[in-house]
Amino acid sequence: MSRSDLMVAIWRPLKKMVEAQDVNRKALARQLGLGASGLSELLNGLRATAPSRDVVRTIVSACGEDAQLSYWDKRLTELKDEAAETGCRSRSA
């Protein structure tokens, strides 16, 4: 699996969550310290590096899904492990 495939694998469900919960994207971008285009790049899996735990936690919390934080921590660890196994460099964004 390529690095871009790995990024899409984590961002696709997060983007769906943001859309399903109708999260205000301007407010979310502000919380993350990003502009609108930066948030769009994140949610569309266009960043070349894995997101940090803080970024994922901020998004999950903004969606009101705090009960899923441990799932997302585990998922992010799996993503980084898979990237390492396939030779993809995975740094925190």
PDB file of N, CA and C in Angstrom:
ATOM      1  N   MET A   1       0.858  -1.177   0.000  1.00  0.00           N
ATOM      2  CA  MET A   1       0.000   0.000   0.000  1.00  0.00           C
ATOM      3  C   MET A   1       0.903   1.239   0.000  1.00  0.00           C
ATOM      4  N   SER A   2       0.613   2.190  -0.857  1.00  0.00           N
ATOM      5  CA  SER A   2       1.438   3.394  -0.941  1.00  0.00           C
ATOM      6  C   SER A   2       1.138   4.340   0.216  1.00  0.00           C
ATOM      7  N   ARG A   3       2.035   5.289   0.403  1.00  0.00           N
ATOM      8  CA  ARG A   3       1.833   6.285   1.458  1.00  0.00           C
ATOM      9  C   ARG A   3       0.516   7.034   1.235  1.00  0.00           C
ATOM     10  N   SER A   4       0.223   7.411  -0.009  1.00  0.00           N
ATOM     11  CA  SER A   4      -1.021   8.138  -0.266  1.00  0.00           C
ATOM     12  C   SER A   4      -2.234   7.272   0.052  1.00  0.00           C
ATOM     13  N   ASP A   5      -2.157   5.972  -0.234  1.00  0.00           N
ATOM     14  CA  ASP A   5      -3.252   5.064   0.121  1.00  0.00           C
ATOM     15  C   ASP A   5      -3.439   5.003   1.637  1.00  0.00           C
ATOM     16  N   LEU A   6      -2.325   4.998   2.368  1.00  0.00           N
ATOM     17  CA  LEU A   6      -2.397   4.963   3.828  1.00  0.00           C
ATOM     18  C   LEU A   6      -3.033   6.239   4.375  1.00  0.00           C
ATOM     19  N   MET A   7      -2.681   7.376   3.794  1.00  0.00           N
ATOM     20  CA  MET A   7      -3.253   8.643   4.263  1.00  0.00           C
ATOM     21  C   MET A   7      -4.754   8.674   4.003  1.00  0.00           C
ATOM     22  N   VAL A   8      -5.156   8.235   2.824  1.00  0.00           N
ATOM     23  CA  VAL A   8      -6.581   8.193   2.498  1.00  0.00           C
ATOM     24  C   VAL A   8      -7.308   7.241   3.441  1.00  0.00           C
ATOM     25  N   ALA A   9      -6.660   6.134   3.800  1.00  0.00           N
ATOM     26  CA  ALA A   9      -7.286   5.141   4.677  1.00  0.00           C
ATOM     27  C   ALA A   9      -7.645   5.714   6.040  1.00  0.00           C
ATOM     28  N   ILE A  10      -6.843   6.631   6.540  1.00  0.00           N
ATOM     29  CA  ILE A  10      -7.195   7.221   7.835  1.00  0.00           C
ATOM     30  C   ILE A  10      -8.103   8.432   7.664  1.00  0.00           C
ATOM     31  N   TRP A  11      -7.903   9.194   6.601  1.00  0.00           N
ATOM     32  CA  TRP A  11      -8.684  10.424   6.466  1.00  0.00           C
ATOM     33  C   TRP A  11     -10.090  10.215   5.940  1.00  0.00           C
ATOM     34  N   ARG A  12     -10.313   9.210   5.109  1.00  0.00           N
ATOM     35  CA  ARG A  12     -11.659   9.010   4.556  1.00  0.00           C
ATOM     36  C   ARG A  12     -12.712   8.866   5.661  1.00  0.00           C
ATOM     37  N   PRO A  13     -12.511   7.981   6.651  1.00  0.00           N
ATOM     38  CA  PRO A  13     -13.533   7.875   7.703  1.00  0.00           C
ATOM     39  C   PRO A  13     -13.614   9.119   8.590  1.00  0.00           C
ATOM     40  N   LEU A  14     -12.492   9.802   8.800  1.00  0.00           N
ATOM     41  CA  LEU A  14     -12.550  11.041   9.590  1.00  0.00           C
ATOM     42  C   LEU A  14     -13.337  12.113   8.844  1.00  0.00           C
ATOM     43  N   LYS A  15     -13.121  12.213   7.542  1.00  0.00           N
ATOM     44  CA  LYS A  15     -13.868  13.186   6.736  1.00  0.00           C
ATOM     45  C   LYS A  15     -15.364  12.868   6.783  1.00  0.00           C
ATOM     46  N   LYS A  16     -15.706  11.585   6.659  1.00  0.00           N
ATOM     47  CA  LYS A  16     -17.119  11.187   6.732  1.00  0.00           C
ATOM     48  C   LYS A  16     -17.716  11.565   8.083  1.00  0.00           C
ATOM     49  N   MET A  17     -16.934  11.393   9.150  1.00  0.00           N
ATOM     50  CA  MET A  17     -17.403  11.747  10.483  1.00  0.00           C
ATOM     51  C   MET A  17     -17.661  13.252  10.578  1.00  0.00           C
ATOM     52  N   VAL A  18     -16.739  14.045  10.061  1.00  0.00           N
ATOM     53  CA  VAL A  18     -16.893  15.506  10.071  1.00  0.00           C
ATOM     54  C   VAL A  18     -18.158  15.894   9.310  1.00  0.00           C
ATOM     55  N   GLU A  19     -18.367  15.277   8.151  1.00  0.00           N
ATOM     56  CA  GLU A  19     -19.552  15.576   7.346  1.00  0.00           C
ATOM     57  C   GLU A  19     -20.830  15.112   8.034  1.00  0.00           C
ATOM     58  N   ALA A  20     -20.820  13.905   8.603  1.00  0.00           N
ATOM     59  CA  ALA A  20     -22.014  13.354   9.254  1.00  0.00           C
ATOM     60  C   ALA A  20     -22.435  14.178  10.464  1.00  0.00           C
ATOM     61  N   GLN A  21     -21.448  14.713  11.184  1.00  0.00           N
ATOM     62  CA  GLN A  21     -21.747  15.506  12.377  1.00  0.00           C
ATOM     63  C   GLN A  21     -21.929  16.986  12.043  1.00  0.00           C
ATOM     64  N   ASP A  22     -21.805  17.329  10.762  1.00  0.00           N
ATOM     65  CA  ASP A  22     -21.976  18.706  10.287  1.00  0.00           C
ATOM     66  C   ASP A  22     -21.108  19.681  11.087  1.00  0.00           C
ATOM     67  N   VAL A  23     -19.847  19.299  11.260  1.00  0.00           N
ATOM     68  CA  VAL A  23     -18.894  20.120  12.007  1.00  0.00           C
ATOM     69  C   VAL A  23     -18.581  21.378  11.201  1.00  0.00           C
ATOM     70  N   ASN A  24     -18.582  22.512  11.869  1.00  0.00           N
ATOM     71  CA  ASN A  24     -18.239  23.781  11.231  1.00  0.00           C
ATOM     72  C   ASN A  24     -16.764  23.743  10.850  1.00  0.00           C
ATOM     73  N   ARG A  25     -16.502  23.760   9.566  1.00  0.00           N
ATOM     74  CA  ARG A  25     -15.120  23.606   9.088  1.00  0.00           C
ATOM     75  C   ARG A  25     -14.246  24.809   9.414  1.00  0.00           C
ATOM     76  N   LYS A  26     -14.825  25.982   9.411  1.00  0.00           N
ATOM     77  CA  LYS A  26     -14.022  27.159   9.775  1.00  0.00           C
ATOM     78  C   LYS A  26     -13.569  27.058  11.223  1.00  0.00           C
ATOM     79  N   ALA A  27     -14.479  26.655  12.094  1.00  0.00           N
ATOM     80  CA  ALA A  27     -14.140  26.511  13.512  1.00  0.00           C
ATOM     81  C   ALA A  27     -13.120  25.391  13.706  1.00  0.00           C
ATOM     82  N   LEU A  28     -13.290  24.289  12.987  1.00  0.00           N
ATOM     83  CA  LEU A  28     -12.357  23.172  13.100  1.00  0.00           C
ATOM     84  C   LEU A  28     -10.969  23.581  12.604  1.00  0.00           C
ATOM     85  N   ALA A  29     -10.918  24.274  11.485  1.00  0.00           N
ATOM     86  CA  ALA A  29      -9.630  24.745  10.960  1.00  0.00           C
ATOM     87  C   ALA A  29      -8.947  25.643  11.978  1.00  0.00           C
ATOM     88  N   ARG A  30      -9.716  26.511  12.605  1.00  0.00           N
ATOM     89  CA  ARG A  30      -9.170  27.419  13.622  1.00  0.00           C
ATOM     90  C   ARG A  30      -8.610  26.620  14.800  1.00  0.00           C
ATOM     91  N   GLN A  31      -9.355  25.608  15.256  1.00  0.00           N
ATOM     92  CA  GLN A  31      -8.890  24.765  16.366  1.00  0.00           C
ATOM     93  C   GLN A  31      -7.574  24.075  16.031  1.00  0.00           C
ATOM     94  N   LEU A  32      -7.406  23.722  14.773  1.00  0.00           N
ATOM     95  CA  LEU A  32      -6.208  23.008  14.336  1.00  0.00           C
ATOM     96  C   LEU A  32      -5.078  23.946  13.927  1.00  0.00           C
ATOM     97  N   GLY A  33      -5.371  25.246  13.925  1.00  0.00           N
ATOM     98  CA  GLY A  33      -4.360  26.217  13.516  1.00  0.00           C
ATOM     99  C   GLY A  33      -4.088  26.180  12.021  1.00  0.00           C
ATOM    100  N   LEU A  34      -5.125  25.862  11.248  1.00  0.00           N
ATOM    101  CA  LEU A  34      -5.004  25.749   9.798  1.00  0.00           C
ATOM    102  C   LEU A  34      -5.937  26.723   9.104  1.00  0.00           C
ATOM    103  N   GLY A  35      -5.651  26.971   7.855  1.00  0.00           N
ATOM    104  CA  GLY A  35      -6.575  27.696   7.008  1.00  0.00           C
ATOM    105  C   GLY A  35      -7.538  26.705   6.375  1.00  0.00           C
ATOM    106  N   ALA A  36      -8.486  27.225   5.612  1.00  0.00           N
ATOM    107  CA  ALA A  36      -9.474  26.365   4.959  1.00  0.00           C
ATOM    108  C   ALA A  36      -8.810  25.359   4.019  1.00  0.00           C
ATOM    109  N   SER A  37      -7.800  25.805   3.271  1.00  0.00           N
ATOM    110  CA  SER A  37      -7.146  24.892   2.324  1.00  0.00           C
ATOM    111  C   SER A  37      -6.346  23.809   3.058  1.00  0.00           C
ATOM    112  N   GLY A  38      -5.730  24.159   4.184  1.00  0.00           N
ATOM    113  CA  GLY A  38      -4.991  23.171   4.969  1.00  0.00           C
ATOM    114  C   GLY A  38      -5.908  22.089   5.513  1.00  0.00           C
ATOM    115  N   LEU A  39      -7.082  22.501   6.003  1.00  0.00           N
ATOM    116  CA  LEU A  39      -8.050  21.526   6.505  1.00  0.00           C
ATOM    117  C   LEU A  39      -8.543  20.642   5.367  1.00  0.00           C
ATOM    118  N   SER A  40      -8.798  21.238   4.223  1.00  0.00           N
ATOM    119  CA  SER A  40      -9.239  20.466   3.064  1.00  0.00           C
ATOM    120  C   SER A  40      -8.190  19.427   2.670  1.00  0.00           C
ATOM    121  N   GLU A  41      -6.919  19.827   2.666  1.00  0.00           N
ATOM    122  CA  GLU A  41      -5.843  18.879   2.355  1.00  0.00           C
ATOM    123  C   GLU A  41      -5.835  17.718   3.346  1.00  0.00           C
ATOM    124  N   LEU A  42      -5.998  18.031   4.632  1.00  0.00           N
ATOM    125  CA  LEU A  42      -6.024  16.972   5.645  1.00  0.00           C
ATOM    126  C   LEU A  42      -7.167  16.001   5.396  1.00  0.00           C
ATOM    127  N   LEU A  43      -8.377  16.542   5.303  1.00  0.00           N
ATOM    128  CA  LEU A  43      -9.565  15.699   5.209  1.00  0.00           C
ATOM    129  C   LEU A  43      -9.634  14.907   3.910  1.00  0.00           C
ATOM    130  N   ASN A  44      -8.910  15.363   2.896  1.00  0.00           N
ATOM    131  CA  ASN A  44      -8.893  14.649   1.621  1.00  0.00           C
ATOM    132  C   ASN A  44      -7.670  13.753   1.465  1.00  0.00           C
ATOM    133  N   GLY A  45      -6.883  13.625   2.554  1.00  0.00           N
ATOM    134  CA  GLY A  45      -5.733  12.729   2.536  1.00  0.00           C
ATOM    135  C   GLY A  45      -4.611  13.177   1.626  1.00  0.00           C
ATOM    136  N   LEU A  46      -4.499  14.482   1.407  1.00  0.00           N
ATOM    137  CA  LEU A  46      -3.496  14.995   0.477  1.00  0.00           C
ATOM    138  C   LEU A  46      -2.166  15.341   1.132  1.00  0.00           C
ATOM    139  N   ARG A  47      -2.102  15.277   2.446  1.00  0.00           N
ATOM    140  CA  ARG A  47      -0.833  15.522   3.135  1.00  0.00           C
ATOM    141  C   ARG A  47       0.027  14.275   3.018  1.00  0.00           C
ATOM    142  N   ALA A  48       1.323  14.462   2.896  1.00  0.00           N
ATOM    143  CA  ALA A  48       2.231  13.330   2.686  1.00  0.00           C
ATOM    144  C   ALA A  48       2.635  12.641   3.980  1.00  0.00           C
ATOM    145  N   THR A  49       2.269  13.222   5.108  1.00  0.00           N
ATOM    146  CA  THR A  49       2.678  12.653   6.387  1.00  0.00           C
ATOM    147  C   THR A  49       1.460  12.259   7.211  1.00  0.00           C
ATOM    148  N   ALA A  50       1.675  11.329   8.108  1.00  0.00           N
ATOM    149  CA  ALA A  50       0.596  10.905   9.002  1.00  0.00           C
ATOM    150  C   ALA A  50       0.251  12.044   9.952  1.00  0.00           C
ATOM    151  N   PRO A  51      -1.011  12.149  10.324  1.00  0.00           N
ATOM    152  CA  PRO A  51      -1.406  13.196  11.264  1.00  0.00           C
ATOM    153  C   PRO A  51      -0.888  12.890  12.665  1.00  0.00           C
ATOM    154  N   SER A  52      -0.748  13.922  13.456  1.00  0.00           N
ATOM    155  CA  SER A  52      -0.373  13.710  14.852  1.00  0.00           C
ATOM    156  C   SER A  52      -1.596  13.231  15.630  1.00  0.00           C
ATOM    157  N   ARG A  53      -1.350  12.632  16.777  1.00  0.00           N
ATOM    158  CA  ARG A  53      -2.453  12.217  17.648  1.00  0.00           C
ATOM    159  C   ARG A  53      -3.312  13.416  18.036  1.00  0.00           C
ATOM    160  N   ASP A  54      -2.668  14.548  18.291  1.00  0.00           N
ATOM    161  CA  ASP A  54      -3.422  15.740  18.692  1.00  0.00           C
ATOM    162  C   ASP A  54      -4.389  16.187  17.602  1.00  0.00           C
ATOM    163  N   VAL A  55      -3.959  16.119  16.352  1.00  0.00           N
ATOM    164  CA  VAL A  55      -4.832  16.507  15.239  1.00  0.00           C
ATOM    165  C   VAL A  55      -6.028  15.566  15.169  1.00  0.00           C
ATOM    166  N   VAL A  56      -5.772  14.273  15.225  1.00  0.00           N
ATOM    167  CA  VAL A  56      -6.860  13.298  15.157  1.00  0.00           C
ATOM    168  C   VAL A  56      -7.795  13.464  16.353  1.00  0.00           C
ATOM    169  N   ARG A  57      -7.242  13.641  17.534  1.00  0.00           N
ATOM    170  CA  ARG A  57      -8.068  13.810  18.739  1.00  0.00           C
ATOM    171  C   ARG A  57      -8.928  15.073  18.645  1.00  0.00           C
ATOM    172  N   THR A  58      -8.372  16.148  18.112  1.00  0.00           N
ATOM    173  CA  THR A  58      -9.132  17.391  17.960  1.00  0.00           C
ATOM    174  C   THR A  58     -10.314  17.184  17.023  1.00  0.00           C
ATOM    175  N   ILE A  59     -10.085  16.494  15.924  1.00  0.00           N
ATOM    176  CA  ILE A  59     -11.162  16.246  14.963  1.00  0.00           C
ATOM    177  C   ILE A  59     -12.231  15.346  15.567  1.00  0.00           C
ATOM    178  N   VAL A  60     -11.821  14.261  16.198  1.00  0.00           N
ATOM    179  CA  VAL A  60     -12.778  13.326  16.797  1.00  0.00           C
ATOM    180  C   VAL A  60     -13.595  14.025  17.887  1.00  0.00           C
ATOM    181  N   SER A  61     -12.945  14.834  18.708  1.00  0.00           N
ATOM    182  CA  SER A  61     -13.648  15.569  19.767  1.00  0.00           C
ATOM    183  C   SER A  61     -14.603  16.601  19.184  1.00  0.00           C
ATOM    184  N   ALA A  62     -14.187  17.280  18.116  1.00  0.00           N
ATOM    185  CA  ALA A  62     -15.056  18.273  17.475  1.00  0.00           C
ATOM    186  C   ALA A  62     -16.319  17.621  16.919  1.00  0.00           C
ATOM    187  N   CYS A  63     -16.215  16.340  16.593  1.00  0.00           N
ATOM    188  CA  CYS A  63     -17.364  15.591  16.087  1.00  0.00           C
ATOM    189  C   CYS A  63     -18.236  15.047  17.217  1.00  0.00           C
ATOM    190  N   GLY A  64     -17.824  15.282  18.465  1.00  0.00           N
ATOM    191  CA  GLY A  64     -18.587  14.786  19.605  1.00  0.00           C
ATOM    192  C   GLY A  64     -18.441  13.288  19.800  1.00  0.00           C
ATOM    193  N   GLU A  65     -17.345  12.729  19.324  1.00  0.00           N
ATOM    194  CA  GLU A  65     -17.129  11.283  19.372  1.00  0.00           C
ATOM    195  C   GLU A  65     -15.991  10.910  20.318  1.00  0.00           C
ATOM    196  N   ASP A  66     -15.911  11.577  21.468  1.00  0.00           N
ATOM    197  CA  ASP A  66     -14.825  11.318  22.417  1.00  0.00           C
ATOM    198  C   ASP A  66     -14.724   9.847  22.819  1.00  0.00           C
ATOM    199  N   ALA A  67     -15.836   9.141  22.798  1.00  0.00           N
ATOM    200  CA  ALA A  67     -15.821   7.721  23.159  1.00  0.00           C
ATOM    201  C   ALA A  67     -14.993   6.898  22.172  1.00  0.00           C
ATOM    202  N   GLN A  68     -14.721   7.443  20.996  1.00  0.00           N
ATOM    203  CA  GLN A  68     -13.950   6.727  19.976  1.00  0.00           C
ATOM    204  C   GLN A  68     -12.460   7.078  19.981  1.00  0.00           C
ATOM    205  N   LEU A  69     -12.017   7.897  20.926  1.00  0.00           N
ATOM    206  CA  LEU A  69     -10.618   8.337  20.923  1.00  0.00           C
ATOM    207  C   LEU A  69      -9.634   7.178  20.987  1.00  0.00           C
ATOM    208  N   SER A  70      -9.914   6.164  21.796  1.00  0.00           N
ATOM    209  CA  SER A  70      -8.972   5.038  21.892  1.00  0.00           C
ATOM    210  C   SER A  70      -8.917   4.266  20.571  1.00  0.00           C
ATOM    211  N   TYR A  71     -10.049   4.147  19.891  1.00  0.00           N
ATOM    212  CA  TYR A  71     -10.060   3.499  18.575  1.00  0.00           C
ATOM    213  C   TYR A  71      -9.146   4.252  17.616  1.00  0.00           C
ATOM    214  N   TRP A  72      -9.253   5.578  17.594  1.00  0.00           N
ATOM    215  CA  TRP A  72      -8.459   6.374  16.659  1.00  0.00           C
ATOM    216  C   TRP A  72      -6.984   6.377  17.030  1.00  0.00           C
ATOM    217  N   ASP A  73      -6.676   6.333  18.317  1.00  0.00           N
ATOM    218  CA  ASP A  73      -5.270   6.197  18.726  1.00  0.00           C
ATOM    219  C   ASP A  73      -4.695   4.889  18.174  1.00  0.00           C
ATOM    220  N   LYS A  74      -5.461   3.812  18.326  1.00  0.00           N
ATOM    221  CA  LYS A  74      -5.028   2.502  17.833  1.00  0.00           C
ATOM    222  C   LYS A  74      -4.902   2.519  16.314  1.00  0.00           C
ATOM    223  N   ARG A  75      -5.868   3.113  15.645  1.00  0.00           N
ATOM    224  CA  ARG A  75      -5.856   3.169  14.176  1.00  0.00           C
ATOM    225  C   ARG A  75      -4.640   3.938  13.670  1.00  0.00           C
ATOM    226  N   LEU A  76      -4.304   5.036  14.319  1.00  0.00           N
ATOM    227  CA  LEU A  76      -3.150   5.831  13.922  1.00  0.00           C
ATOM    228  C   LEU A  76      -1.853   5.043  14.123  1.00  0.00           C
ATOM    229  N   THR A  77      -1.759   4.313  15.224  1.00  0.00           N
ATOM    230  CA  THR A  77      -0.586   3.469  15.466  1.00  0.00           C
ATOM    231  C   THR A  77      -0.466   2.406  14.376  1.00  0.00           C
ATOM    232  N   GLU A  78      -1.585   1.784  14.020  1.00  0.00           N
ATOM    233  CA  GLU A  78      -1.579   0.780  12.954  1.00  0.00           C
ATOM    234  C   GLU A  78      -1.115   1.384  11.632  1.00  0.00           C
ATOM    235  N   LEU A  79      -1.592   2.582  11.334  1.00  0.00           N
ATOM    236  CA  LEU A  79      -1.204   3.274  10.107  1.00  0.00           C
ATOM    237  C   LEU A  79       0.302   3.504  10.067  1.00  0.00           C
ATOM    238  N   LYS A  80       0.842   4.005  11.175  1.00  0.00           N
ATOM    239  CA  LYS A  80       2.276   4.283  11.227  1.00  0.00           C
ATOM    240  C   LYS A  80       3.087   2.990  11.136  1.00  0.00           C
ATOM    241  N   ASP A  81       2.613   1.919  11.782  1.00  0.00           N
ATOM    242  CA  ASP A  81       3.298   0.624  11.694  1.00  0.00           C
ATOM    243  C   ASP A  81       3.280   0.091  10.266  1.00  0.00           C
ATOM    244  N   GLU A  82       2.135   0.200   9.612  1.00  0.00           N
ATOM    245  CA  GLU A  82       2.024  -0.282   8.233  1.00  0.00           C
ATOM    246  C   GLU A  82       2.913   0.533   7.303  1.00  0.00           C
ATOM    247  N   ALA A  83       2.971   1.835   7.535  1.00  0.00           N
ATOM    248  CA  ALA A  83       3.838   2.690   6.723  1.00  0.00           C
ATOM    249  C   ALA A  83       5.296   2.278   6.893  1.00  0.00           C
ATOM    250  N   ALA A  84       5.688   1.973   8.120  1.00  0.00           N
ATOM    251  CA  ALA A  84       7.069   1.552   8.383  1.00  0.00           C
ATOM    252  C   ALA A  84       7.369   0.215   7.705  1.00  0.00           C
ATOM    253  N   GLU A  85       6.414  -0.695   7.744  1.00  0.00           N
ATOM    254  CA  GLU A  85       6.599  -2.012   7.133  1.00  0.00           C
ATOM    255  C   GLU A  85       6.721  -1.935   5.618  1.00  0.00           C
ATOM    256  N   THR A  86       6.006  -0.992   5.017  1.00  0.00           N
ATOM    257  CA  THR A  86       6.023  -0.877   3.557  1.00  0.00           C
ATOM    258  C   THR A  86       7.090   0.091   3.074  1.00  0.00           C
ATOM    259  N   GLY A  87       7.857   0.630   4.027  1.00  0.00           N
ATOM    260  CA  GLY A  87       8.939   1.529   3.649  1.00  0.00           C
ATOM    261  C   GLY A  87       8.521   2.961   3.433  1.00  0.00           C
ATOM    262  N   CYS A  88       7.302   3.300   3.810  1.00  0.00           N
ATOM    263  CA  CYS A  88       6.834   4.678   3.690  1.00  0.00           C
ATOM    264  C   CYS A  88       7.321   5.463   4.892  1.00  0.00           C
ATOM    265  N   ARG A  89       7.793   6.661   4.672  1.00  0.00           N
ATOM    266  CA  ARG A  89       8.159   7.513   5.799  1.00  0.00           C
ATOM    267  C   ARG A  89       6.903   8.146   6.340  1.00  0.00           C
ATOM    268  N   SER A  90       6.656   8.010   7.616  1.00  0.00           N
ATOM    269  CA  SER A  90       5.456   8.536   8.245  1.00  0.00           C
ATOM    270  C   SER A  90       5.850   9.423   9.403  1.00  0.00           C
ATOM    271  N   ARG A  91       5.806  10.727   9.179  1.00  0.00           N
ATOM    272  CA  ARG A  91       6.124  11.688  10.237  1.00  0.00           C
ATOM    273  C   ARG A  91       4.839  12.359  10.679  1.00  0.00           C
ATOM    274  N   SER A  92       4.826  12.882  11.880  1.00  0.00           N
ATOM    275  CA  SER A  92       3.644  13.577  12.385  1.00  0.00           C
ATOM    276  C   SER A  92       3.470  14.888  11.656  1.00  0.00           C
ATOM    277  N   ALA A  93       2.205  15.207  11.342  1.00  0.00           N
ATOM    278  CA  ALA A  93       1.888  16.478  10.675  1.00  0.00           C
ATOM    279  C   ALA A  93       1.593  17.533  11.687  1.00  0.00           C
TER     280      ALA A  93
END
